Amino acid sequence: MTLLRGDALSAAFDHGSVAYDRLVAASPGYHAHLRRSARRLRLPEGGRGLRVLDLGCGTGASTAALLAAAPHARITGVDASAGMLDRAMSKSWPPGVDFVHAPVEELAGRWRRGSFDAVFAGYLFRNLDDPDSALALVRDLLTPDGRLAVHEYTLGGSPVHRAVWNAVCSVIIQPAGRLAGDPELYRHLRDSVARFDAAPAFARRLRRAGFAGVRVLPLPGWQTGITHTFVARSTPAGRERS
């Protein structure tokens, strides 16, 4: 089981960006689940006056979800794939939305500590070499008591969840990836989920990184027990508070 990392993964997403929106649109609940996770940030007043970082924004599906939840926020989308980001930037966005092409690992020093009131990360952390370093960066970029929502494939504790994921990948996701000409990318999708933290383990990872108020929230439909929203808040100097 070999996972794509770094430049190889970015290149695979560059190639896959052509068909990506079409494929995810065919996934039941994909956009609705992102919108649900974005709402779980619970940004007040539609995000008025708030700065939100959308890490791993891809073609902009998570950006659109954040806009639906917080139409008055200033949103910065970041992605390591130039192809995916080009797709995002080609869409129509209101003032206050901008995009940055950079791997998460290269964001240190781009913004001052406490630059963002909230961070949203969709389908990101299982693709990183060092998710703990990325969480430390996120914690530093957030204001004290800033809000974090992570929307991620993280299997639940039951063997049934892993069996459903493998079955869906075998019957639907990987054949669709082959038809789109991106078999390597969708094999990576299957394997990266299998290799990554289960939901309780990722919650513990968040707590170790200094986040407080960590909650693991399910998503409905076939992704129950497969995809979760993790919500948390930052704390000064990464010290968790009761």
C-alpha atoms as a PDB file:
ATOM      1  CA  MET A   1       0.000   0.000   0.000  1.00  0.00           C
ATOM      2  CA  THR A   2       1.967   3.003  -1.321  1.00  0.00           C
ATOM      3  CA  LEU A   3       0.542   6.473  -0.773  1.00  0.00           C
ATOM      4  CA  LEU A   4       1.168   9.525  -2.917  1.00  0.00           C
ATOM      5  CA  ARG A   5       2.895  12.353  -1.104  1.00  0.00           C
ATOM      6  CA  GLY A   6       4.233  15.840  -1.785  1.00  0.00           C
ATOM      7  CA  ASP A   7       4.810  16.760  -5.414  1.00  0.00           C
ATOM      8  CA  ALA A   8       3.540  13.378  -6.649  1.00  0.00           C
ATOM      9  CA  LEU A   9       0.196  13.904  -4.937  1.00  0.00           C
ATOM     10  CA  SER A  10      -0.074  17.490  -6.194  1.00  0.00           C
ATOM     11  CA  ALA A  11       0.631  16.286  -9.729  1.00  0.00           C
ATOM     12  CA  ALA A  12      -2.049  13.602  -9.410  1.00  0.00           C
ATOM     13  CA  PHE A  13      -4.571  16.212  -8.287  1.00  0.00           C
ATOM     14  CA  ASP A  14      -3.473  18.509 -11.132  1.00  0.00           C
ATOM     15  CA  HIS A  15      -4.320  15.763 -13.611  1.00  0.00           C
ATOM     16  CA  GLY A  16      -7.496  14.760 -11.778  1.00  0.00           C
ATOM     17  CA  SER A  17      -8.807  18.337 -11.556  1.00  0.00           C
ATOM     18  CA  VAL A  18     -10.385  18.103 -15.021  1.00  0.00           C
ATOM     19  CA  ALA A  19     -12.956  15.506 -13.944  1.00  0.00           C
ATOM     20  CA  TYR A  20     -12.953  16.157 -10.192  1.00  0.00           C
ATOM     21  CA  ASP A  21     -16.058  18.331  -9.909  1.00  0.00           C
ATOM     22  CA  ARG A  22     -18.049  15.953 -12.082  1.00  0.00           C
ATOM     23  CA  LEU A  23     -17.056  12.918 -10.017  1.00  0.00           C
ATOM     24  CA  VAL A  24     -17.738  14.438  -6.597  1.00  0.00           C
ATOM     25  CA  ALA A  25     -21.092  15.788  -7.801  1.00  0.00           C
ATOM     26  CA  ALA A  26     -22.095  12.164  -8.407  1.00  0.00           C
ATOM     27  CA  SER A  27     -21.264  11.235  -4.793  1.00  0.00           C
ATOM     28  CA  PRO A  28     -24.484  11.314  -2.730  1.00  0.00           C
ATOM     29  CA  GLY A  29     -24.310  14.009  -0.085  1.00  0.00           C
ATOM     30  CA  TYR A  30     -20.827  15.295  -0.970  1.00  0.00           C
ATOM     31  CA  HIS A  31     -21.706  19.003  -1.095  1.00  0.00           C
ATOM     32  CA  ALA A  32     -24.406  18.767   1.570  1.00  0.00           C
ATOM     33  CA  HIS A  33     -21.935  17.159   3.970  1.00  0.00           C
ATOM     34  CA  LEU A  34     -19.394  19.924   3.395  1.00  0.00           C
ATOM     35  CA  ARG A  35     -22.068  22.537   4.077  1.00  0.00           C
ATOM     36  CA  ARG A  36     -23.063  20.726   7.272  1.00  0.00           C
ATOM     37  CA  SER A  37     -19.449  20.694   8.485  1.00  0.00           C
ATOM     38  CA  ALA A  38     -19.059  24.384   7.617  1.00  0.00           C
ATOM     39  CA  ARG A  39     -22.183  25.241   9.616  1.00  0.00           C
ATOM     40  CA  ARG A  40     -20.698  23.376  12.556  1.00  0.00           C
ATOM     41  CA  LEU A  41     -18.117  26.162  12.875  1.00  0.00           C
ATOM     42  CA  ARG A  42     -21.075  28.194  14.196  1.00  0.00           C
ATOM     43  CA  LEU A  43     -19.686  31.503  12.993  1.00  0.00           C
ATOM     44  CA  PRO A  44     -21.823  34.341  14.372  1.00  0.00           C
ATOM     45  CA  GLU A  45     -23.591  36.983  12.275  1.00  0.00           C
ATOM     46  CA  GLY A  46     -22.890  35.172   9.027  1.00  0.00           C
ATOM     47  CA  GLY A  47     -19.168  35.574   9.630  1.00  0.00           C
ATOM     48  CA  ARG A  48     -19.309  39.354   9.505  1.00  0.00           C
ATOM     49  CA  GLY A  49     -15.850  40.782  10.210  1.00  0.00           C
ATOM     50  CA  LEU A  50     -14.301  37.309  10.498  1.00  0.00           C
ATOM     51  CA  ARG A  51     -11.344  35.903   8.599  1.00  0.00           C
ATOM     52  CA  VAL A  52     -11.614  32.208   7.635  1.00  0.00           C
ATOM     53  CA  LEU A  53      -8.849  29.982   6.246  1.00  0.00           C
ATOM     54  CA  ASP A  54      -9.981  27.165   3.943  1.00  0.00           C
ATOM     55  CA  LEU A  55      -7.113  24.663   3.948  1.00  0.00           C
ATOM     56  CA  GLY A  56      -7.047  22.169   1.098  1.00  0.00           C
ATOM     57  CA  CYS A  57      -9.777  24.063  -0.752  1.00  0.00           C
ATOM     58  CA  GLY A  58      -9.371  22.017  -3.942  1.00  0.00           C
ATOM     59  CA  THR A  59     -11.735  23.170  -6.685  1.00  0.00           C
ATOM     60  CA  GLY A  60     -13.632  25.373  -4.238  1.00  0.00           C
ATOM     61  CA  ALA A  61     -16.362  23.034  -2.958  1.00  0.00           C
ATOM     62  CA  SER A  62     -15.386  23.720   0.650  1.00  0.00           C
ATOM     63  CA  THR A  63     -15.110  27.450  -0.119  1.00  0.00           C
ATOM     64  CA  ALA A  64     -18.674  27.438  -1.422  1.00  0.00           C
ATOM     65  CA  ALA A  65     -19.784  25.541   1.693  1.00  0.00           C
ATOM     66  CA  LEU A  66     -18.152  28.172   3.913  1.00  0.00           C
ATOM     67  CA  LEU A  67     -19.825  30.975   1.961  1.00  0.00           C
ATOM     68  CA  ALA A  68     -23.199  29.316   2.433  1.00  0.00           C
ATOM     69  CA  ALA A  69     -22.581  29.106   6.185  1.00  0.00           C
ATOM     70  CA  ALA A  70     -20.916  32.516   6.589  1.00  0.00           C
ATOM     71  CA  PRO A  71     -21.694  34.744   3.590  1.00  0.00           C
ATOM     72  CA  HIS A  72     -20.103  37.827   5.174  1.00  0.00           C
ATOM     73  CA  ALA A  73     -16.747  36.242   6.098  1.00  0.00           C
ATOM     74  CA  ARG A  74     -13.469  36.927   4.346  1.00  0.00           C
ATOM     75  CA  ILE A  75     -12.295  33.540   3.098  1.00  0.00           C
ATOM     76  CA  THR A  76      -8.829  32.522   1.919  1.00  0.00           C
ATOM     77  CA  GLY A  77      -8.598  29.181   0.128  1.00  0.00           C
ATOM     78  CA  VAL A  78      -5.256  27.375   0.055  1.00  0.00           C
ATOM     79  CA  ASP A  79      -4.267  24.339  -1.987  1.00  0.00           C
ATOM     80  CA  ALA A  80      -1.043  22.660  -3.081  1.00  0.00           C
ATOM     81  CA  SER A  81      -2.423  21.626  -6.492  1.00  0.00           C
ATOM     82  CA  ALA A  82      -2.224  24.323  -9.159  1.00  0.00           C
ATOM     83  CA  GLY A  83      -4.731  22.426 -11.297  1.00  0.00           C
ATOM     84  CA  MET A  84      -7.325  22.207  -8.551  1.00  0.00           C
ATOM     85  CA  LEU A  85      -6.791  25.845  -7.610  1.00  0.00           C
ATOM     86  CA  ASP A  86      -7.165  26.965 -11.236  1.00  0.00           C
ATOM     87  CA  ARG A  87     -10.586  25.285 -11.262  1.00  0.00           C
ATOM     88  CA  ALA A  88     -11.516  27.086  -8.058  1.00  0.00           C
ATOM     89  CA  MET A  89     -10.343  30.463  -9.322  1.00  0.00           C
ATOM     90  CA  SER A  90     -12.231  30.072 -12.608  1.00  0.00           C
ATOM     91  CA  LYS A  91     -15.531  30.150 -10.709  1.00  0.00           C
ATOM     92  CA  SER A  92     -17.468  33.242  -9.746  1.00  0.00           C
ATOM     93  CA  TRP A  93     -16.790  34.450  -6.200  1.00  0.00           C
ATOM     94  CA  PRO A  94     -17.930  37.528  -4.303  1.00  0.00           C
ATOM     95  CA  PRO A  95     -15.483  40.129  -2.985  1.00  0.00           C
ATOM     96  CA  GLY A  96     -13.671  38.907   0.100  1.00  0.00           C
ATOM     97  CA  VAL A  97     -12.739  35.496  -1.314  1.00  0.00           C
ATOM     98  CA  ASP A  98      -9.147  34.927  -2.419  1.00  0.00           C
ATOM     99  CA  PHE A  99      -6.890  31.950  -3.119  1.00  0.00           C
ATOM    100  CA  VAL A 100      -3.277  31.018  -2.410  1.00  0.00           C
ATOM    101  CA  HIS A 101      -1.275  28.298  -4.164  1.00  0.00           C
ATOM    102  CA  ALA A 102       0.952  26.664  -1.562  1.00  0.00           C
ATOM    103  CA  PRO A 103       1.405  23.406   0.330  1.00  0.00           C
ATOM    104  CA  VAL A 104       0.327  23.625   3.952  1.00  0.00           C
ATOM    105  CA  GLU A 105       3.922  22.911   4.953  1.00  0.00           C
ATOM    106  CA  GLU A 106       5.041  26.184   3.326  1.00  0.00           C
ATOM    107  CA  LEU A 107       2.523  28.470   4.997  1.00  0.00           C
ATOM    108  CA  ALA A 108       4.596  29.162   8.102  1.00  0.00           C
ATOM    109  CA  GLY A 109       5.581  32.827   8.040  1.00  0.00           C
ATOM    110  CA  ARG A 110       3.036  33.841   5.398  1.00  0.00           C
ATOM    111  CA  TRP A 111       0.617  35.182   8.016  1.00  0.00           C
ATOM    112  CA  ARG A 112       1.101  36.497  11.524  1.00  0.00           C
ATOM    113  CA  ARG A 113       0.103  34.463  14.549  1.00  0.00           C
ATOM    114  CA  GLY A 114      -3.618  34.828  15.233  1.00  0.00           C
ATOM    115  CA  SER A 115      -4.483  35.974  11.706  1.00  0.00           C
ATOM    116  CA  PHE A 116      -7.654  33.868  11.386  1.00  0.00           C
ATOM    117  CA  ASP A 117     -10.811  33.546  13.432  1.00  0.00           C
ATOM    118  CA  ALA A 118     -11.636  30.114  12.008  1.00  0.00           C
ATOM    119  CA  VAL A 119     -10.016  27.361   9.958  1.00  0.00           C
ATOM    120  CA  PHE A 120     -11.804  24.768   7.864  1.00  0.00           C
ATOM    121  CA  ALA A 121      -9.916  21.749   6.509  1.00  0.00           C
ATOM    122  CA  GLY A 122     -11.717  19.370   4.174  1.00  0.00           C
ATOM    123  CA  TYR A 123     -10.140  16.047   3.178  1.00  0.00           C
ATOM    124  CA  LEU A 124      -6.678  17.363   4.023  1.00  0.00           C
ATOM    125  CA  PHE A 125      -4.923  15.814   6.998  1.00  0.00           C
ATOM    126  CA  ARG A 126      -4.703  12.216   5.763  1.00  0.00           C
ATOM    127  CA  ASN A 127      -2.794  13.566   2.739  1.00  0.00           C
ATOM    128  CA  LEU A 128      -0.041  15.207   4.783  1.00  0.00           C
ATOM    129  CA  ASP A 129       3.338  13.759   5.733  1.00  0.00           C
ATOM    130  CA  ASP A 130       3.197  15.392   9.151  1.00  0.00           C
ATOM    131  CA  PRO A 131      -0.354  16.162  10.314  1.00  0.00           C
ATOM    132  CA  ASP A 132       0.889  17.110  13.784  1.00  0.00           C
ATOM    133  CA  SER A 133       3.052  19.921  12.403  1.00  0.00           C
ATOM    134  CA  ALA A 134       0.112  21.107  10.315  1.00  0.00           C
ATOM    135  CA  LEU A 135      -2.109  21.187  13.393  1.00  0.00           C
ATOM    136  CA  ALA A 136       0.521  23.204  15.249  1.00  0.00           C
ATOM    137  CA  LEU A 137       0.541  25.672  12.362  1.00  0.00           C
ATOM    138  CA  VAL A 138      -3.249  25.903  12.401  1.00  0.00           C
ATOM    139  CA  ARG A 139      -3.243  26.505  16.138  1.00  0.00           C
ATOM    140  CA  ASP A 140      -0.747  29.346  15.708  1.00  0.00           C
ATOM    141  CA  LEU A 141      -2.736  30.954  12.893  1.00  0.00           C
ATOM    142  CA  LEU A 142      -5.940  30.977  14.928  1.00  0.00           C
ATOM    143  CA  THR A 143      -6.894  33.700  17.344  1.00  0.00           C
ATOM    144  CA  PRO A 144      -7.332  32.583  20.977  1.00  0.00           C
ATOM    145  CA  ASP A 145     -10.603  30.665  21.090  1.00  0.00           C
ATOM    146  CA  GLY A 146     -10.570  30.541  17.290  1.00  0.00           C
ATOM    147  CA  ARG A 147     -12.647  27.785  15.743  1.00  0.00           C
ATOM    148  CA  LEU A 148     -11.512  24.738  13.812  1.00  0.00           C
ATOM    149  CA  ALA A 149     -13.613  22.329  11.762  1.00  0.00           C
ATOM    150  CA  VAL A 150     -12.000  19.312  10.108  1.00  0.00           C
ATOM    151  CA  HIS A 151     -14.084  17.397   7.574  1.00  0.00           C
ATOM    152  CA  GLU A 152     -12.322  14.115   6.924  1.00  0.00           C
ATOM    153  CA  TYR A 153     -12.614  10.464   6.028  1.00  0.00           C
ATOM    154  CA  THR A 154     -11.931   8.861   9.419  1.00  0.00           C
ATOM    155  CA  LEU A 155     -13.360   5.407   9.921  1.00  0.00           C
ATOM    156  CA  GLY A 156     -15.361   4.685  13.052  1.00  0.00           C
ATOM    157  CA  GLY A 157     -14.649   1.880  15.458  1.00  0.00           C
ATOM    158  CA  SER A 158     -16.818  -0.808  13.854  1.00  0.00           C
ATOM    159  CA  PRO A 159     -15.366  -3.241  11.273  1.00  0.00           C
ATOM    160  CA  VAL A 160     -18.556  -2.597   9.323  1.00  0.00           C
ATOM    161  CA  HIS A 161     -17.395   0.938   8.525  1.00  0.00           C
ATOM    162  CA  ARG A 162     -14.144  -0.336   6.998  1.00  0.00           C
ATOM    163  CA  ALA A 163     -16.040  -3.006   5.063  1.00  0.00           C
ATOM    164  CA  VAL A 164     -18.477  -0.437   3.621  1.00  0.00           C
ATOM    165  CA  TRP A 165     -15.605   1.867   2.650  1.00  0.00           C
ATOM    166  CA  ASN A 166     -13.712  -0.912   0.868  1.00  0.00           C
ATOM    167  CA  ALA A 167     -16.861  -2.077  -0.910  1.00  0.00           C
ATOM    168  CA  VAL A 168     -17.763   1.430  -2.133  1.00  0.00           C
ATOM    169  CA  CYS A 169     -14.195   1.971  -3.337  1.00  0.00           C
ATOM    170  CA  SER A 170     -14.091  -1.361  -5.167  1.00  0.00           C
ATOM    171  CA  VAL A 171     -17.476  -1.062  -6.834  1.00  0.00           C
ATOM    172  CA  ILE A 172     -17.837   2.699  -7.424  1.00  0.00           C
ATOM    173  CA  ILE A 173     -14.944   5.013  -6.603  1.00  0.00           C
ATOM    174  CA  GLN A 174     -11.996   3.218  -8.192  1.00  0.00           C
ATOM    175  CA  PRO A 175     -13.885   2.209 -11.383  1.00  0.00           C
ATOM    176  CA  ALA A 176     -14.974   5.858 -11.757  1.00  0.00           C
ATOM    177  CA  GLY A 177     -11.367   6.950 -11.287  1.00  0.00           C
ATOM    178  CA  ARG A 178     -10.208   4.556 -13.985  1.00  0.00           C
ATOM    179  CA  LEU A 179     -12.868   5.831 -16.400  1.00  0.00           C
ATOM    180  CA  ALA A 180     -11.707   9.392 -15.685  1.00  0.00           C
ATOM    181  CA  GLY A 181      -8.101   8.416 -16.391  1.00  0.00           C
ATOM    182  CA  ASP A 182      -6.959   8.845 -12.782  1.00  0.00           C
ATOM    183  CA  PRO A 183      -6.620   5.349 -11.312  1.00  0.00           C
ATOM    184  CA  GLU A 184      -3.606   6.245  -9.169  1.00  0.00           C
ATOM    185  CA  LEU A 185      -5.372   9.173  -7.491  1.00  0.00           C
ATOM    186  CA  TYR A 186      -8.429   7.133  -6.541  1.00  0.00           C
ATOM    187  CA  ARG A 187      -6.354   4.199  -5.365  1.00  0.00           C
ATOM    188  CA  HIS A 188      -4.585   6.719  -3.140  1.00  0.00           C
ATOM    189  CA  LEU A 189      -7.987   7.864  -1.855  1.00  0.00           C
ATOM    190  CA  ARG A 190      -8.880   4.346  -0.799  1.00  0.00           C
ATOM    191  CA  ASP A 191      -5.525   3.557   0.769  1.00  0.00           C
ATOM    192  CA  SER A 192      -5.037   6.904   2.511  1.00  0.00           C
ATOM    193  CA  VAL A 193      -8.320   6.440   4.359  1.00  0.00           C
ATOM    194  CA  ALA A 194      -7.403   2.897   5.363  1.00  0.00           C
ATOM    195  CA  ARG A 195      -4.019   4.053   6.671  1.00  0.00           C
ATOM    196  CA  PHE A 196      -5.143   7.210   8.458  1.00  0.00           C
ATOM    197  CA  ASP A 197      -6.445   7.683  12.003  1.00  0.00           C
ATOM    198  CA  ALA A 198      -9.771   6.254  13.017  1.00  0.00           C
ATOM    199  CA  ALA A 199     -12.095   8.944  14.345  1.00  0.00           C
ATOM    200  CA  PRO A 200     -11.199   8.513  18.055  1.00  0.00           C
ATOM    201  CA  ALA A 201      -7.484   8.603  17.214  1.00  0.00           C
ATOM    202  CA  PHE A 202      -7.774  11.844  15.272  1.00  0.00           C
ATOM    203  CA  ALA A 203      -9.712  13.404  18.152  1.00  0.00           C
ATOM    204  CA  ARG A 204      -6.831  12.454  20.456  1.00  0.00           C
ATOM    205  CA  ARG A 205      -4.392  13.959  17.955  1.00  0.00           C
ATOM    206  CA  LEU A 206      -6.292  17.247  18.114  1.00  0.00           C
ATOM    207  CA  ARG A 207      -6.163  17.267  21.905  1.00  0.00           C
ATOM    208  CA  ARG A 208      -2.413  16.525  21.900  1.00  0.00           C
ATOM    209  CA  ALA A 209      -1.954  19.485  19.553  1.00  0.00           C
ATOM    210  CA  GLY A 210      -3.474  21.744  22.204  1.00  0.00           C
ATOM    211  CA  PHE A 211      -7.029  22.124  20.942  1.00  0.00           C
ATOM    212  CA  ALA A 212      -9.881  22.290  23.424  1.00  0.00           C
ATOM    213  CA  GLY A 213     -13.530  21.372  23.253  1.00  0.00           C
ATOM    214  CA  VAL A 214     -12.870  18.618  20.715  1.00  0.00           C
ATOM    215  CA  ARG A 215     -16.052  16.974  19.451  1.00  0.00           C
ATOM    216  CA  VAL A 216     -16.524  14.237  16.855  1.00  0.00           C
ATOM    217  CA  LEU A 217     -19.751  14.643  14.906  1.00  0.00           C
ATOM    218  CA  PRO A 218     -21.194  12.117  12.457  1.00  0.00           C
ATOM    219  CA  LEU A 219     -22.443  12.728   8.949  1.00  0.00           C
ATOM    220  CA  PRO A 220     -25.543  11.084   7.513  1.00  0.00           C
ATOM    221  CA  GLY A 221     -26.170   8.621   4.701  1.00  0.00           C
ATOM    222  CA  TRP A 222     -23.709   6.005   3.481  1.00  0.00           C
ATOM    223  CA  GLN A 223     -20.823   7.975   4.982  1.00  0.00           C
ATOM    224  CA  THR A 224     -22.035   7.432   8.553  1.00  0.00           C
ATOM    225  CA  GLY A 225     -19.045   6.031  10.405  1.00  0.00           C
ATOM    226  CA  ILE A 226     -16.765   6.853   7.448  1.00  0.00           C
ATOM    227  CA  THR A 227     -16.666  10.662   7.320  1.00  0.00           C
ATOM    228  CA  HIS A 228     -16.786  12.896  10.397  1.00  0.00           C
ATOM    229  CA  THR A 229     -16.677  16.541  11.358  1.00  0.00           C
ATOM    230  CA  PHE A 230     -14.216  17.378  14.129  1.00  0.00           C
ATOM    231  CA  VAL A 231     -14.793  20.718  15.822  1.00  0.00           C
ATOM    232  CA  ALA A 232     -12.479  22.329  18.326  1.00  0.00           C
ATOM    233  CA  ARG A 233     -11.167  25.671  19.489  1.00  0.00           C
ATOM    234  CA  SER A 234      -7.673  27.025  19.888  1.00  0.00           C
ATOM    235  CA  THR A 235      -6.126  27.875  23.208  1.00  0.00           C
ATOM    236  CA  PRO A 236      -3.330  30.295  24.157  1.00  0.00           C
ATOM    237  CA  ALA A 237       0.071  28.726  23.580  1.00  0.00           C
ATOM    238  CA  GLY A 238      -1.653  25.434  22.814  1.00  0.00           C
ATOM    239  CA  ARG A 239      -2.675  24.855  26.448  1.00  0.00           C
ATOM    240  CA  GLU A 240      -5.994  23.063  26.677  1.00  0.00           C
ATOM    241  CA  ARG A 241      -8.524  24.531  29.051  1.00  0.00           C
ATOM    242  CA  SER A 242     -11.469  22.861  30.693  1.00  0.00           C
END
